Protein backbone atom coordinates (compact mmCIF):
# COMPACT_ATOMS: atom_id res chain seq x y z
CA UNK A 1 0.00 0.00 0.00
CA UNK A 2 1.35 3.43 -0.96
CA UNK A 3 1.70 5.77 1.99
CA UNK A 4 0.39 9.34 2.10
CA UNK A 5 3.97 10.55 2.37
CA UNK A 6 4.95 8.69 -0.82
CA UNK A 7 1.99 10.16 -2.66
CA UNK A 8 2.95 13.63 -1.46
CA UNK A 9 6.52 13.16 -2.73
CA UNK A 10 5.29 11.91 -6.11
CA UNK A 11 2.86 14.81 -6.35
CA UNK A 12 5.60 17.34 -5.67
CA UNK A 13 7.78 15.62 -8.28
CA UNK A 14 5.03 15.73 -10.93
CA UNK A 15 4.32 19.40 -10.18
CA UNK A 16 8.03 20.15 -10.40
CA UNK A 17 8.30 18.31 -13.74
CA UNK A 18 5.27 20.15 -15.09
CA UNK A 19 6.72 23.48 -14.02
CA UNK A 20 9.97 22.71 -15.82
CA UNK A 21 8.06 21.64 -18.95
CA UNK A 22 5.94 24.79 -18.87
CA UNK A 23 9.02 26.99 -18.49
CA UNK A 24 10.71 25.17 -21.36
CA UNK A 25 7.61 25.46 -23.56
CA UNK A 26 7.34 29.17 -22.80
CA UNK A 27 10.98 29.66 -23.71
CA UNK A 28 10.56 27.74 -26.98
CA UNK A 29 7.43 29.63 -28.00
CA UNK A 30 8.72 33.07 -27.02
CA UNK A 31 8.20 35.54 -29.87
CA UNK A 32 11.21 36.62 -31.87
CA UNK A 33 12.50 40.08 -31.01
CA UNK A 34 10.98 42.86 -33.14
CA UNK A 35 12.77 43.58 -36.40
CA UNK A 36 14.56 46.91 -36.71
CA UNK A 37 13.03 47.86 -40.06
CA UNK A 38 14.94 51.11 -40.22
CA UNK A 39 18.19 49.14 -40.19
CA UNK A 40 16.86 46.47 -42.56
CA UNK A 41 15.56 48.90 -45.18
CA UNK A 42 18.70 51.04 -44.98
CA UNK A 43 20.77 47.90 -45.50
CA UNK A 44 18.66 46.96 -48.54
CA UNK A 45 19.31 50.42 -49.98
CA UNK A 46 23.02 49.77 -49.40
CA UNK A 47 22.76 46.49 -51.32
CA UNK A 48 22.80 43.95 -48.47
CA UNK A 49 21.23 40.68 -49.78
CA UNK A 50 20.72 39.27 -46.28
CA UNK A 51 18.62 42.31 -45.35
CA UNK A 52 16.53 41.85 -48.48
CA UNK A 53 16.02 38.19 -47.50
CA UNK A 54 14.55 39.35 -44.17
CA UNK A 55 12.16 41.68 -45.98
CA UNK A 56 11.25 39.00 -48.55
CA UNK A 57 10.42 36.37 -45.94
CA UNK A 58 8.46 38.84 -43.80
CA UNK A 59 6.35 40.45 -46.53
CA UNK A 60 5.91 37.84 -49.24
CA UNK A 61 2.66 36.40 -47.85
CA UNK A 62 1.15 39.85 -47.31
CA UNK A 63 2.05 40.93 -50.85
CA UNK A 64 0.69 37.69 -52.31
CA UNK A 65 -2.63 38.22 -50.52
CA UNK A 66 -2.74 41.76 -51.89
CA UNK A 67 -2.03 40.54 -55.44
CA UNK A 68 -4.80 37.93 -55.27
CA UNK A 69 -7.29 40.49 -54.00
CA UNK A 70 -6.41 43.06 -56.66
CA UNK A 71 -5.90 40.95 -59.77
CA UNK A 72 -8.02 37.84 -59.39
CA UNK A 73 -5.45 35.85 -61.38
CA UNK A 74 -4.38 32.25 -60.83
CA UNK A 75 -2.22 31.44 -57.81
CA UNK A 76 0.78 30.80 -60.07
CA UNK A 77 0.36 34.13 -61.88
CA UNK A 78 0.01 35.95 -58.56
CA UNK A 79 3.25 34.39 -57.29
CA UNK A 80 5.01 35.55 -60.47
CA UNK A 81 3.57 39.01 -59.96
CA UNK A 82 4.80 39.16 -56.36
CA UNK A 83 8.29 38.12 -57.49
CA UNK A 84 8.21 41.07 -59.90
CA UNK A 85 6.98 43.30 -57.08
CA UNK A 86 9.83 42.10 -54.86
CA UNK A 87 12.36 42.96 -57.55
CA UNK A 88 10.84 46.40 -57.87
CA UNK A 89 10.82 46.81 -54.09
CA UNK A 90 14.48 45.86 -53.89
CA UNK A 91 15.42 48.44 -56.54
CA UNK A 92 13.26 51.27 -55.20
CA UNK A 93 13.55 50.61 -51.45
CA UNK A 94 14.00 53.58 -49.14
CA UNK A 95 14.74 53.72 -45.40
CA UNK A 96 11.47 53.14 -43.53
CA UNK A 97 11.55 52.87 -39.76
CA UNK A 98 8.15 51.48 -38.76
CA UNK A 99 6.30 48.35 -39.78
CA UNK A 100 3.01 50.04 -40.70
CA UNK A 101 4.65 52.46 -43.12
CA UNK A 102 6.64 49.63 -44.70
CA UNK A 103 3.47 47.56 -45.07
CA UNK A 104 1.67 50.44 -46.78
CA UNK A 105 4.65 51.02 -49.08
CA UNK A 106 4.79 47.30 -49.95
CA UNK A 107 1.08 47.27 -50.78
CA UNK A 108 1.61 50.27 -53.05
CA UNK A 109 4.39 48.41 -54.89
CA UNK A 110 2.09 45.43 -55.48
CA UNK A 111 -0.68 47.77 -56.67
CA UNK A 112 1.70 49.39 -59.17
CA UNK A 113 2.97 46.08 -60.55
CA UNK A 114 -0.55 44.65 -60.71
CA UNK A 115 -1.78 47.71 -62.59
CA UNK A 116 1.10 47.45 -65.09
CA UNK A 117 0.36 43.75 -65.63
CA UNK A 118 -3.34 44.35 -66.21
CA UNK A 119 -2.62 47.22 -68.59
CA UNK A 120 -0.30 45.00 -70.59
CA UNK A 121 -2.85 42.19 -70.66
CA UNK A 122 -5.57 44.60 -71.79
CA UNK A 123 -3.37 45.99 -74.56
CA UNK A 124 -2.57 42.48 -75.79
CA UNK A 125 -6.24 41.50 -75.87
CA UNK A 126 -7.17 44.71 -77.67
CA UNK A 127 -4.46 44.24 -80.29
CA UNK A 128 -5.55 40.65 -80.83
CA UNK A 129 -9.12 41.75 -81.49
CA UNK A 130 -7.95 44.53 -83.81
CA UNK A 131 -5.65 42.20 -85.74
CA UNK A 132 -8.41 39.63 -86.14
CA UNK A 133 -10.64 42.37 -87.52
CA UNK A 134 -7.94 43.69 -89.88
CA UNK A 135 -7.40 40.23 -91.35
CA UNK A 136 -10.89 40.50 -92.89
CA UNK A 137 -10.35 43.94 -94.47
CA UNK A 138 -8.81 45.11 -97.72
CA UNK A 139 -5.68 47.29 -97.52
CA UNK A 140 -7.62 50.54 -98.07
CA UNK A 141 -10.29 49.54 -95.58
CA UNK A 142 -7.65 48.63 -93.04
CA UNK A 143 -5.89 51.99 -93.41
CA UNK A 144 -9.17 53.84 -92.96
CA UNK A 145 -10.20 51.68 -90.02
CA UNK A 146 -6.79 52.16 -88.39
CA UNK A 147 -7.09 55.92 -88.52
CA UNK A 148 -10.62 55.76 -87.15
CA UNK A 149 -9.70 53.49 -84.28
CA UNK A 150 -6.62 55.55 -83.44
CA UNK A 151 -8.69 58.73 -83.33
CA UNK A 152 -11.29 57.14 -81.06
CA UNK A 153 -8.70 55.66 -78.72
CA UNK A 154 -6.89 58.99 -78.47
CA UNK A 155 -10.19 60.75 -77.71
CA UNK A 156 -11.13 58.20 -75.04
CA UNK A 157 -7.70 58.44 -73.40
CA UNK A 158 -7.85 62.23 -73.38
CA UNK A 159 -11.41 62.28 -72.04
CA UNK A 160 -10.58 59.89 -69.21
CA UNK A 161 -7.52 61.91 -68.26
CA UNK A 162 -9.70 65.03 -68.05
CA UNK A 163 -12.19 63.44 -65.66
CA UNK A 164 -12.12 64.60 -62.04
CA UNK A 165 -9.65 62.66 -59.92
CA UNK A 166 -12.36 60.82 -57.98
CA UNK A 167 -14.01 59.56 -61.18
CA UNK A 168 -10.66 58.50 -62.65
CA UNK A 169 -10.09 56.45 -59.51
CA UNK A 170 -13.52 54.83 -59.87
CA UNK A 171 -12.84 53.90 -63.49
CA UNK A 172 -9.41 52.51 -62.56
CA UNK A 173 -10.80 50.30 -59.80
CA UNK A 174 -13.72 49.11 -61.93
CA UNK A 175 -12.23 48.60 -65.39
CA UNK A 176 -8.47 48.25 -64.85
CA UNK A 177 -8.45 46.25 -61.63
CA UNK A 178 -11.84 44.62 -62.06
CA UNK A 179 -13.19 45.52 -58.63
CA UNK A 180 -16.86 44.87 -57.99
CA UNK A 181 -19.23 47.77 -57.26
CA UNK A 182 -19.57 46.39 -53.74
CA UNK A 183 -15.80 46.43 -53.20
CA UNK A 184 -15.57 50.01 -54.47
CA UNK A 185 -18.43 51.07 -52.22
CA UNK A 186 -16.74 49.44 -49.26
CA UNK A 187 -13.50 51.24 -50.09
CA UNK A 188 -15.27 54.63 -50.26
CA UNK A 189 -17.75 54.01 -47.48
CA UNK A 190 -20.80 54.46 -49.72
CA UNK A 191 -23.53 52.17 -51.04
CA UNK A 192 -23.24 50.01 -54.15
CA UNK A 193 -26.08 51.99 -55.71
CA UNK A 194 -24.24 55.25 -55.17
CA UNK A 195 -21.14 53.87 -56.90
CA UNK A 196 -23.22 52.59 -59.80
CA UNK A 197 -24.99 55.94 -60.12
CA UNK A 198 -21.73 57.90 -60.26
CA UNK A 199 -20.25 55.64 -62.90
CA UNK A 200 -23.41 55.54 -65.04
CA UNK A 201 -23.69 59.32 -65.08
CA UNK A 202 -20.02 59.66 -66.07
CA UNK A 203 -20.33 57.02 -68.81
CA UNK A 204 -23.53 58.58 -70.17
CA UNK A 205 -21.82 61.95 -70.35
CA UNK A 206 -18.81 60.47 -72.16
CA UNK A 207 -21.10 58.62 -74.58
CA UNK A 208 -22.98 61.81 -75.46
CA UNK A 209 -19.72 63.66 -76.02
CA UNK A 210 -18.40 60.82 -78.19
CA UNK A 211 -21.50 60.83 -80.38
CA UNK A 212 -21.14 64.57 -80.87
CA UNK A 213 -17.49 64.05 -81.80
CA UNK A 214 -17.73 60.97 -84.03
CA UNK A 215 -21.40 60.48 -84.82
CA UNK A 216 -23.66 57.51 -84.10
CA UNK A 217 -21.00 55.03 -85.28
CA UNK A 218 -18.95 55.46 -82.09
C-alpha atoms as a PDB file:
ATOM      1  CA  UNK A   1       0.000   0.000   0.000  1.00  0.00           C
ATOM      2  CA  UNK A   2       1.354   3.431  -0.962  1.00  0.00           C
ATOM      3  CA  UNK A   3       1.703   5.766   1.989  1.00  0.00           C
ATOM      4  CA  UNK A   4       0.390   9.340   2.101  1.00  0.00           C
ATOM      5  CA  UNK A   5       3.972  10.547   2.369  1.00  0.00           C
ATOM      6  CA  UNK A   6       4.952   8.694  -0.815  1.00  0.00           C
ATOM      7  CA  UNK A   7       1.990  10.165  -2.655  1.00  0.00           C
ATOM      8  CA  UNK A   8       2.953  13.630  -1.464  1.00  0.00           C
ATOM      9  CA  UNK A   9       6.522  13.157  -2.727  1.00  0.00           C
ATOM     10  CA  UNK A  10       5.286  11.912  -6.114  1.00  0.00           C
ATOM     11  CA  UNK A  11       2.860  14.809  -6.351  1.00  0.00           C
ATOM     12  CA  UNK A  12       5.602  17.337  -5.669  1.00  0.00           C
ATOM     13  CA  UNK A  13       7.781  15.624  -8.276  1.00  0.00           C
ATOM     14  CA  UNK A  14       5.031  15.729 -10.925  1.00  0.00           C
ATOM     15  CA  UNK A  15       4.316  19.395 -10.184  1.00  0.00           C
ATOM     16  CA  UNK A  16       8.030  20.154 -10.404  1.00  0.00           C
ATOM     17  CA  UNK A  17       8.304  18.308 -13.741  1.00  0.00           C
ATOM     18  CA  UNK A  18       5.270  20.148 -15.087  1.00  0.00           C
ATOM     19  CA  UNK A  19       6.717  23.475 -14.022  1.00  0.00           C
ATOM     20  CA  UNK A  20       9.972  22.706 -15.819  1.00  0.00           C
ATOM     21  CA  UNK A  21       8.058  21.636 -18.945  1.00  0.00           C
ATOM     22  CA  UNK A  22       5.936  24.793 -18.869  1.00  0.00           C
ATOM     23  CA  UNK A  23       9.017  26.991 -18.494  1.00  0.00           C
ATOM     24  CA  UNK A  24      10.715  25.167 -21.358  1.00  0.00           C
ATOM     25  CA  UNK A  25       7.607  25.463 -23.558  1.00  0.00           C
ATOM     26  CA  UNK A  26       7.342  29.166 -22.800  1.00  0.00           C
ATOM     27  CA  UNK A  27      10.979  29.664 -23.714  1.00  0.00           C
ATOM     28  CA  UNK A  28      10.557  27.742 -26.982  1.00  0.00           C
ATOM     29  CA  UNK A  29       7.430  29.634 -28.002  1.00  0.00           C
ATOM     30  CA  UNK A  30       8.716  33.071 -27.023  1.00  0.00           C
ATOM     31  CA  UNK A  31       8.197  35.537 -29.867  1.00  0.00           C
ATOM     32  CA  UNK A  32      11.207  36.623 -31.872  1.00  0.00           C
ATOM     33  CA  UNK A  33      12.498  40.082 -31.010  1.00  0.00           C
ATOM     34  CA  UNK A  34      10.979  42.861 -33.142  1.00  0.00           C
ATOM     35  CA  UNK A  35      12.771  43.583 -36.399  1.00  0.00           C
ATOM     36  CA  UNK A  36      14.560  46.907 -36.715  1.00  0.00           C
ATOM     37  CA  UNK A  37      13.028  47.857 -40.056  1.00  0.00           C
ATOM     38  CA  UNK A  38      14.940  51.108 -40.219  1.00  0.00           C
ATOM     39  CA  UNK A  39      18.186  49.143 -40.188  1.00  0.00           C
ATOM     40  CA  UNK A  40      16.856  46.469 -42.556  1.00  0.00           C
ATOM     41  CA  UNK A  41      15.555  48.899 -45.180  1.00  0.00           C
ATOM     42  CA  UNK A  42      18.698  51.041 -44.977  1.00  0.00           C
ATOM     43  CA  UNK A  43      20.771  47.898 -45.497  1.00  0.00           C
ATOM     44  CA  UNK A  44      18.657  46.965 -48.537  1.00  0.00           C
ATOM     45  CA  UNK A  45      19.310  50.416 -49.980  1.00  0.00           C
ATOM     46  CA  UNK A  46      23.023  49.771 -49.398  1.00  0.00           C
ATOM     47  CA  UNK A  47      22.759  46.486 -51.319  1.00  0.00           C
ATOM     48  CA  UNK A  48      22.803  43.950 -48.469  1.00  0.00           C
ATOM     49  CA  UNK A  49      21.226  40.678 -49.784  1.00  0.00           C
ATOM     50  CA  UNK A  50      20.716  39.267 -46.283  1.00  0.00           C
ATOM     51  CA  UNK A  51      18.615  42.313 -45.348  1.00  0.00           C
ATOM     52  CA  UNK A  52      16.530  41.852 -48.482  1.00  0.00           C
ATOM     53  CA  UNK A  53      16.016  38.188 -47.500  1.00  0.00           C
ATOM     54  CA  UNK A  54      14.553  39.353 -44.166  1.00  0.00           C
ATOM     55  CA  UNK A  55      12.158  41.684 -45.983  1.00  0.00           C
ATOM     56  CA  UNK A  56      11.253  39.005 -48.553  1.00  0.00           C
ATOM     57  CA  UNK A  57      10.415  36.372 -45.935  1.00  0.00           C
ATOM     58  CA  UNK A  58       8.457  38.840 -43.798  1.00  0.00           C
ATOM     59  CA  UNK A  59       6.353  40.451 -46.533  1.00  0.00           C
ATOM     60  CA  UNK A  60       5.913  37.836 -49.244  1.00  0.00           C
ATOM     61  CA  UNK A  61       2.662  36.403 -47.853  1.00  0.00           C
ATOM     62  CA  UNK A  62       1.147  39.849 -47.311  1.00  0.00           C
ATOM     63  CA  UNK A  63       2.045  40.934 -50.854  1.00  0.00           C
ATOM     64  CA  UNK A  64       0.686  37.691 -52.309  1.00  0.00           C
ATOM     65  CA  UNK A  65      -2.625  38.216 -50.519  1.00  0.00           C
ATOM     66  CA  UNK A  66      -2.735  41.759 -51.893  1.00  0.00           C
ATOM     67  CA  UNK A  67      -2.028  40.536 -55.438  1.00  0.00           C
ATOM     68  CA  UNK A  68      -4.796  37.926 -55.273  1.00  0.00           C
ATOM     69  CA  UNK A  69      -7.293  40.486 -54.003  1.00  0.00           C
ATOM     70  CA  UNK A  70      -6.410  43.058 -56.658  1.00  0.00           C
ATOM     71  CA  UNK A  71      -5.902  40.953 -59.767  1.00  0.00           C
ATOM     72  CA  UNK A  72      -8.015  37.835 -59.391  1.00  0.00           C
ATOM     73  CA  UNK A  73      -5.453  35.851 -61.382  1.00  0.00           C
ATOM     74  CA  UNK A  74      -4.380  32.250 -60.826  1.00  0.00           C
ATOM     75  CA  UNK A  75      -2.215  31.441 -57.811  1.00  0.00           C
ATOM     76  CA  UNK A  76       0.777  30.799 -60.071  1.00  0.00           C
ATOM     77  CA  UNK A  77       0.362  34.128 -61.878  1.00  0.00           C
ATOM     78  CA  UNK A  78       0.012  35.945 -58.560  1.00  0.00           C
ATOM     79  CA  UNK A  79       3.251  34.385 -57.292  1.00  0.00           C
ATOM     80  CA  UNK A  80       5.013  35.553 -60.471  1.00  0.00           C
ATOM     81  CA  UNK A  81       3.573  39.011 -59.956  1.00  0.00           C
ATOM     82  CA  UNK A  82       4.805  39.157 -56.355  1.00  0.00           C
ATOM     83  CA  UNK A  83       8.293  38.123 -57.491  1.00  0.00           C
ATOM     84  CA  UNK A  84       8.208  41.074 -59.904  1.00  0.00           C
ATOM     85  CA  UNK A  85       6.979  43.296 -57.078  1.00  0.00           C
ATOM     86  CA  UNK A  86       9.827  42.099 -54.856  1.00  0.00           C
ATOM     87  CA  UNK A  87      12.360  42.962 -57.555  1.00  0.00           C
ATOM     88  CA  UNK A  88      10.837  46.403 -57.874  1.00  0.00           C
ATOM     89  CA  UNK A  89      10.821  46.812 -54.094  1.00  0.00           C
ATOM     90  CA  UNK A  90      14.483  45.860 -53.894  1.00  0.00           C
ATOM     91  CA  UNK A  91      15.416  48.436 -56.539  1.00  0.00           C
ATOM     92  CA  UNK A  92      13.257  51.267 -55.199  1.00  0.00           C
ATOM     93  CA  UNK A  93      13.551  50.615 -51.445  1.00  0.00           C
ATOM     94  CA  UNK A  94      14.000  53.584 -49.140  1.00  0.00           C
ATOM     95  CA  UNK A  95      14.739  53.721 -45.400  1.00  0.00           C
ATOM     96  CA  UNK A  96      11.470  53.136 -43.532  1.00  0.00           C
ATOM     97  CA  UNK A  97      11.554  52.874 -39.764  1.00  0.00           C
ATOM     98  CA  UNK A  98       8.155  51.482 -38.761  1.00  0.00           C
ATOM     99  CA  UNK A  99       6.296  48.347 -39.780  1.00  0.00           C
ATOM    100  CA  UNK A 100       3.012  50.041 -40.701  1.00  0.00           C
ATOM    101  CA  UNK A 101       4.648  52.458 -43.123  1.00  0.00           C
ATOM    102  CA  UNK A 102       6.639  49.626 -44.703  1.00  0.00           C
ATOM    103  CA  UNK A 103       3.470  47.560 -45.070  1.00  0.00           C
ATOM    104  CA  UNK A 104       1.667  50.441 -46.776  1.00  0.00           C
ATOM    105  CA  UNK A 105       4.648  51.018 -49.078  1.00  0.00           C
ATOM    106  CA  UNK A 106       4.792  47.297 -49.948  1.00  0.00           C
ATOM    107  CA  UNK A 107       1.085  47.267 -50.783  1.00  0.00           C
ATOM    108  CA  UNK A 108       1.613  50.270 -53.053  1.00  0.00           C
ATOM    109  CA  UNK A 109       4.390  48.411 -54.889  1.00  0.00           C
ATOM    110  CA  UNK A 110       2.090  45.430 -55.478  1.00  0.00           C
ATOM    111  CA  UNK A 111      -0.677  47.769 -56.665  1.00  0.00           C
ATOM    112  CA  UNK A 112       1.699  49.389 -59.166  1.00  0.00           C
ATOM    113  CA  UNK A 113       2.970  46.077 -60.549  1.00  0.00           C
ATOM    114  CA  UNK A 114      -0.547  44.645 -60.707  1.00  0.00           C
ATOM    115  CA  UNK A 115      -1.783  47.711 -62.592  1.00  0.00           C
ATOM    116  CA  UNK A 116       1.095  47.445 -65.090  1.00  0.00           C
ATOM    117  CA  UNK A 117       0.361  43.749 -65.626  1.00  0.00           C
ATOM    118  CA  UNK A 118      -3.341  44.354 -66.212  1.00  0.00           C
ATOM    119  CA  UNK A 119      -2.619  47.224 -68.593  1.00  0.00           C
ATOM    120  CA  UNK A 120      -0.296  45.000 -70.588  1.00  0.00           C
ATOM    121  CA  UNK A 121      -2.851  42.191 -70.663  1.00  0.00           C
ATOM    122  CA  UNK A 122      -5.569  44.602 -71.793  1.00  0.00           C
ATOM    123  CA  UNK A 123      -3.372  45.994 -74.563  1.00  0.00           C
ATOM    124  CA  UNK A 124      -2.568  42.484 -75.788  1.00  0.00           C
ATOM    125  CA  UNK A 125      -6.240  41.503 -75.872  1.00  0.00           C
ATOM    126  CA  UNK A 126      -7.167  44.708 -77.669  1.00  0.00           C
ATOM    127  CA  UNK A 127      -4.460  44.245 -80.292  1.00  0.00           C
ATOM    128  CA  UNK A 128      -5.546  40.654 -80.827  1.00  0.00           C
ATOM    129  CA  UNK A 129      -9.116  41.754 -81.493  1.00  0.00           C
ATOM    130  CA  UNK A 130      -7.951  44.532 -83.813  1.00  0.00           C
ATOM    131  CA  UNK A 131      -5.646  42.201 -85.738  1.00  0.00           C
ATOM    132  CA  UNK A 132      -8.410  39.634 -86.144  1.00  0.00           C
ATOM    133  CA  UNK A 133     -10.637  42.369 -87.517  1.00  0.00           C
ATOM    134  CA  UNK A 134      -7.945  43.695 -89.879  1.00  0.00           C
ATOM    135  CA  UNK A 135      -7.403  40.233 -91.345  1.00  0.00           C
ATOM    136  CA  UNK A 136     -10.886  40.500 -92.892  1.00  0.00           C
ATOM    137  CA  UNK A 137     -10.348  43.940 -94.470  1.00  0.00           C
ATOM    138  CA  UNK A 138      -8.813  45.106 -97.717  1.00  0.00           C
ATOM    139  CA  UNK A 139      -5.681  47.295 -97.515  1.00  0.00           C
ATOM    140  CA  UNK A 140      -7.623  50.540 -98.073  1.00  0.00           C
ATOM    141  CA  UNK A 141     -10.289  49.536 -95.584  1.00  0.00           C
ATOM    142  CA  UNK A 142      -7.654  48.626 -93.038  1.00  0.00           C
ATOM    143  CA  UNK A 143      -5.887  51.988 -93.406  1.00  0.00           C
ATOM    144  CA  UNK A 144      -9.172  53.843 -92.962  1.00  0.00           C
ATOM    145  CA  UNK A 145     -10.197  51.682 -90.015  1.00  0.00           C
ATOM    146  CA  UNK A 146      -6.789  52.157 -88.392  1.00  0.00           C
ATOM    147  CA  UNK A 147      -7.090  55.923 -88.518  1.00  0.00           C
ATOM    148  CA  UNK A 148     -10.619  55.762 -87.150  1.00  0.00           C
ATOM    149  CA  UNK A 149      -9.696  53.487 -84.275  1.00  0.00           C
ATOM    150  CA  UNK A 150      -6.625  55.545 -83.443  1.00  0.00           C
ATOM    151  CA  UNK A 151      -8.692  58.730 -83.329  1.00  0.00           C
ATOM    152  CA  UNK A 152     -11.289  57.143 -81.064  1.00  0.00           C
ATOM    153  CA  UNK A 153      -8.699  55.661 -78.717  1.00  0.00           C
ATOM    154  CA  UNK A 154      -6.893  58.994 -78.465  1.00  0.00           C
ATOM    155  CA  UNK A 155     -10.190  60.747 -77.714  1.00  0.00           C
ATOM    156  CA  UNK A 156     -11.129  58.198 -75.039  1.00  0.00           C
ATOM    157  CA  UNK A 157      -7.705  58.435 -73.396  1.00  0.00           C
ATOM    158  CA  UNK A 158      -7.848  62.228 -73.383  1.00  0.00           C
ATOM    159  CA  UNK A 159     -11.408  62.282 -72.045  1.00  0.00           C
ATOM    160  CA  UNK A 160     -10.582  59.888 -69.209  1.00  0.00           C
ATOM    161  CA  UNK A 161      -7.522  61.908 -68.258  1.00  0.00           C
ATOM    162  CA  UNK A 162      -9.699  65.032 -68.051  1.00  0.00           C
ATOM    163  CA  UNK A 163     -12.188  63.439 -65.665  1.00  0.00           C
ATOM    164  CA  UNK A 164     -12.119  64.602 -62.040  1.00  0.00           C
ATOM    165  CA  UNK A 165      -9.647  62.659 -59.923  1.00  0.00           C
ATOM    166  CA  UNK A 166     -12.364  60.823 -57.979  1.00  0.00           C
ATOM    167  CA  UNK A 167     -14.009  59.561 -61.177  1.00  0.00           C
ATOM    168  CA  UNK A 168     -10.660  58.495 -62.652  1.00  0.00           C
ATOM    169  CA  UNK A 169     -10.090  56.454 -59.510  1.00  0.00           C
ATOM    170  CA  UNK A 170     -13.521  54.829 -59.871  1.00  0.00           C
ATOM    171  CA  UNK A 171     -12.837  53.897 -63.491  1.00  0.00           C
ATOM    172  CA  UNK A 172      -9.407  52.505 -62.562  1.00  0.00           C
ATOM    173  CA  UNK A 173     -10.799  50.304 -59.802  1.00  0.00           C
ATOM    174  CA  UNK A 174     -13.721  49.110 -61.925  1.00  0.00           C
ATOM    175  CA  UNK A 175     -12.226  48.596 -65.386  1.00  0.00           C
ATOM    176  CA  UNK A 176      -8.466  48.246 -64.855  1.00  0.00           C
ATOM    177  CA  UNK A 177      -8.445  46.252 -61.633  1.00  0.00           C
ATOM    178  CA  UNK A 178     -11.845  44.618 -62.060  1.00  0.00           C
ATOM    179  CA  UNK A 179     -13.188  45.517 -58.634  1.00  0.00           C
ATOM    180  CA  UNK A 180     -16.860  44.873 -57.993  1.00  0.00           C
ATOM    181  CA  UNK A 181     -19.229  47.765 -57.255  1.00  0.00           C
ATOM    182  CA  UNK A 182     -19.568  46.386 -53.744  1.00  0.00           C
ATOM    183  CA  UNK A 183     -15.801  46.426 -53.199  1.00  0.00           C
ATOM    184  CA  UNK A 184     -15.566  50.010 -54.472  1.00  0.00           C
ATOM    185  CA  UNK A 185     -18.431  51.072 -52.224  1.00  0.00           C
ATOM    186  CA  UNK A 186     -16.744  49.439 -49.255  1.00  0.00           C
ATOM    187  CA  UNK A 187     -13.502  51.243 -50.085  1.00  0.00           C
ATOM    188  CA  UNK A 188     -15.267  54.629 -50.263  1.00  0.00           C
ATOM    189  CA  UNK A 189     -17.750  54.011 -47.477  1.00  0.00           C
ATOM    190  CA  UNK A 190     -20.796  54.460 -49.723  1.00  0.00           C
ATOM    191  CA  UNK A 191     -23.526  52.169 -51.041  1.00  0.00           C
ATOM    192  CA  UNK A 192     -23.240  50.011 -54.153  1.00  0.00           C
ATOM    193  CA  UNK A 193     -26.084  51.994 -55.714  1.00  0.00           C
ATOM    194  CA  UNK A 194     -24.241  55.253 -55.168  1.00  0.00           C
ATOM    195  CA  UNK A 195     -21.138  53.871 -56.900  1.00  0.00           C
ATOM    196  CA  UNK A 196     -23.219  52.588 -59.800  1.00  0.00           C
ATOM    197  CA  UNK A 197     -24.985  55.936 -60.123  1.00  0.00           C
ATOM    198  CA  UNK A 198     -21.731  57.901 -60.263  1.00  0.00           C
ATOM    199  CA  UNK A 199     -20.255  55.643 -62.902  1.00  0.00           C
ATOM    200  CA  UNK A 200     -23.411  55.539 -65.040  1.00  0.00           C
ATOM    201  CA  UNK A 201     -23.692  59.317 -65.076  1.00  0.00           C
ATOM    202  CA  UNK A 202     -20.023  59.664 -66.067  1.00  0.00           C
ATOM    203  CA  UNK A 203     -20.333  57.022 -68.809  1.00  0.00           C
ATOM    204  CA  UNK A 204     -23.530  58.578 -70.172  1.00  0.00           C
ATOM    205  CA  UNK A 205     -21.819  61.952 -70.346  1.00  0.00           C
ATOM    206  CA  UNK A 206     -18.812  60.468 -72.165  1.00  0.00           C
ATOM    207  CA  UNK A 207     -21.099  58.620 -74.581  1.00  0.00           C
ATOM    208  CA  UNK A 208     -22.977  61.806 -75.462  1.00  0.00           C
ATOM    209  CA  UNK A 209     -19.717  63.664 -76.018  1.00  0.00           C
ATOM    210  CA  UNK A 210     -18.397  60.819 -78.186  1.00  0.00           C
ATOM    211  CA  UNK A 211     -21.499  60.827 -80.378  1.00  0.00           C
ATOM    212  CA  UNK A 212     -21.145  64.565 -80.865  1.00  0.00           C
ATOM    213  CA  UNK A 213     -17.488  64.054 -81.803  1.00  0.00           C
ATOM    214  CA  UNK A 214     -17.729  60.973 -84.031  1.00  0.00           C
ATOM    215  CA  UNK A 215     -21.399  60.479 -84.816  1.00  0.00           C
ATOM    216  CA  UNK A 216     -23.660  57.508 -84.098  1.00  0.00           C
ATOM    217  CA  UNK A 217     -21.001  55.025 -85.276  1.00  0.00           C
ATOM    218  CA  UNK A 218     -18.946  55.460 -82.092  1.00  0.00           C
END
